[in-house]
Amino acid sequence: MYQKETPHPMHPGHVLLDQYLLPQQETISRLARRMKVPQGMLQRVVNGESPLCRALAHKLAQHYDQPVDYWLRLQVRYDQ
């Protein structure tokens, strides 16, 4: 029986990069300074090396005027 493969959801960091940072010509270092988070932590999330933690999800939600659940759901979907 043929089973259609569904694409794996994007890591939240890749969503941040593709849908927010690149279109707005924002750098990771500038975003980290604005949100008052360590640049290395944000870099690891954007690279897909670290999961998006609740604290960073809250900061992103505030910065981009999005519900925090938006960011948390991205991580949950990626983890499944």
C-alpha atoms as a PDB file:
ATOM      1  CA  MET A   1       0.000   0.000   0.000  1.00  0.00           C
ATOM      2  CA  TYR A   2       1.319   3.422  -0.960  1.00  0.00           C
ATOM      3  CA  GLN A   3       1.610   5.862   1.891  1.00  0.00           C
ATOM      4  CA  LYS A   4       2.075   9.516   1.016  1.00  0.00           C
ATOM      5  CA  GLU A   5       4.888  11.130   2.933  1.00  0.00           C
ATOM      6  CA  THR A   6       4.075  14.419   4.560  1.00  0.00           C
ATOM      7  CA  PRO A   7       6.869  16.952   4.745  1.00  0.00           C
ATOM      8  CA  HIS A   8       8.413  17.368   8.166  1.00  0.00           C
ATOM      9  CA  PRO A   9       7.391  20.675   9.791  1.00  0.00           C
ATOM     10  CA  MET A  10       9.994  23.419   9.802  1.00  0.00           C
ATOM     11  CA  HIS A  11      11.985  24.124  12.932  1.00  0.00           C
ATOM     12  CA  PRO A  12      10.719  27.336  14.619  1.00  0.00           C
ATOM     13  CA  GLY A  13      14.130  28.900  14.073  1.00  0.00           C
ATOM     14  CA  HIS A  14      13.842  28.351  10.327  1.00  0.00           C
ATOM     15  CA  VAL A  15      10.380  29.942  10.399  1.00  0.00           C
ATOM     16  CA  LEU A  16      11.855  32.897  12.261  1.00  0.00           C
ATOM     17  CA  LEU A  17      14.592  33.240   9.662  1.00  0.00           C
ATOM     18  CA  ASP A  18      12.469  32.732   6.533  1.00  0.00           C
ATOM     19  CA  GLN A  19       9.333  34.610   7.540  1.00  0.00           C
ATOM     20  CA  TYR A  20      10.645  37.353   9.803  1.00  0.00           C
ATOM     21  CA  LEU A  21      14.385  38.021   9.706  1.00  0.00           C
ATOM     22  CA  LEU A  22      15.069  37.777   5.976  1.00  0.00           C
ATOM     23  CA  PRO A  23      11.978  39.700   4.759  1.00  0.00           C
ATOM     24  CA  GLN A  24      12.655  42.476   7.274  1.00  0.00           C
ATOM     25  CA  GLN A  25      16.414  42.461   6.585  1.00  0.00           C
ATOM     26  CA  GLU A  26      16.969  41.922  10.306  1.00  0.00           C
ATOM     27  CA  THR A  27      20.120  40.342  11.688  1.00  0.00           C
ATOM     28  CA  ILE A  28      20.245  37.826  14.486  1.00  0.00           C
ATOM     29  CA  SER A  29      22.550  40.061  16.509  1.00  0.00           C
ATOM     30  CA  ARG A  30      20.247  43.067  16.195  1.00  0.00           C
ATOM     31  CA  LEU A  31      17.175  41.012  17.094  1.00  0.00           C
ATOM     32  CA  ALA A  32      18.998  39.529  20.092  1.00  0.00           C
ATOM     33  CA  ARG A  33      19.901  43.009  21.344  1.00  0.00           C
ATOM     34  CA  ARG A  34      16.342  44.288  20.869  1.00  0.00           C
ATOM     35  CA  MET A  35      14.845  41.320  22.696  1.00  0.00           C
ATOM     36  CA  LYS A  36      17.612  41.300  25.336  1.00  0.00           C
ATOM     37  CA  VAL A  37      18.501  37.634  24.814  1.00  0.00           C
ATOM     38  CA  PRO A  38      21.936  36.063  24.284  1.00  0.00           C
ATOM     39  CA  GLN A  39      22.903  36.143  20.622  1.00  0.00           C
ATOM     40  CA  GLY A  40      24.336  32.623  20.795  1.00  0.00           C
ATOM     41  CA  MET A  41      21.060  31.215  22.072  1.00  0.00           C
ATOM     42  CA  LEU A  42      19.096  32.891  19.286  1.00  0.00           C
ATOM     43  CA  GLN A  43      21.675  31.751  16.711  1.00  0.00           C
ATOM     44  CA  ARG A  44      21.345  28.121  17.844  1.00  0.00           C
ATOM     45  CA  VAL A  45      17.548  28.290  17.529  1.00  0.00           C
ATOM     46  CA  VAL A  46      17.742  29.872  14.060  1.00  0.00           C
ATOM     47  CA  ASN A  47      20.232  27.188  13.006  1.00  0.00           C
ATOM     48  CA  GLY A  48      17.835  24.488  14.232  1.00  0.00           C
ATOM     49  CA  GLU A  49      20.397  23.298  16.789  1.00  0.00           C
ATOM     50  CA  SER A  50      18.291  24.120  19.860  1.00  0.00           C
ATOM     51  CA  PRO A  51      14.566  23.949  20.535  1.00  0.00           C
ATOM     52  CA  LEU A  52      12.576  27.100  21.054  1.00  0.00           C
ATOM     53  CA  CYS A  53      12.157  27.478  24.809  1.00  0.00           C
ATOM     54  CA  ARG A  54       9.102  29.028  26.439  1.00  0.00           C
ATOM     55  CA  ALA A  55      11.003  32.164  27.500  1.00  0.00           C
ATOM     56  CA  LEU A  56      12.201  32.875  23.968  1.00  0.00           C
ATOM     57  CA  ALA A  57       8.719  32.143  22.593  1.00  0.00           C
ATOM     58  CA  HIS A  58       7.366  34.838  24.929  1.00  0.00           C
ATOM     59  CA  LYS A  59      10.013  37.324  23.788  1.00  0.00           C
ATOM     60  CA  LEU A  60       9.295  36.599  20.115  1.00  0.00           C
ATOM     61  CA  ALA A  61       5.568  36.923  20.696  1.00  0.00           C
ATOM     62  CA  GLN A  62       6.052  40.338  22.283  1.00  0.00           C
ATOM     63  CA  HIS A  63       8.519  41.518  19.654  1.00  0.00           C
ATOM     64  CA  TYR A  64       6.429  40.445  16.659  1.00  0.00           C
ATOM     65  CA  ASP A  65       3.039  41.079  18.271  1.00  0.00           C
ATOM     66  CA  GLN A  66       2.032  37.438  17.874  1.00  0.00           C
ATOM     67  CA  PRO A  67       0.357  35.089  20.336  1.00  0.00           C
ATOM     68  CA  VAL A  68       2.922  33.078  22.275  1.00  0.00           C
ATOM     69  CA  ASP A  69       0.991  29.945  21.311  1.00  0.00           C
ATOM     70  CA  TYR A  70       1.963  30.531  17.674  1.00  0.00           C
ATOM     71  CA  TRP A  71       5.633  30.046  18.513  1.00  0.00           C
ATOM     72  CA  LEU A  72       5.059  27.211  20.984  1.00  0.00           C
ATOM     73  CA  ARG A  73       2.896  25.283  18.497  1.00  0.00           C
ATOM     74  CA  LEU A  74       5.675  25.516  15.899  1.00  0.00           C
ATOM     75  CA  GLN A  75       8.006  23.746  18.326  1.00  0.00           C
ATOM     76  CA  VAL A  76       5.410  21.135  19.292  1.00  0.00           C
ATOM     77  CA  ARG A  77       4.700  20.332  15.623  1.00  0.00           C
ATOM     78  CA  TYR A  78       8.403  20.085  14.878  1.00  0.00           C
ATOM     79  CA  ASP A  79       8.941  17.729  17.828  1.00  0.00           C
ATOM     80  CA  GLN A  80       6.182  15.303  16.812  1.00  0.00           C
END
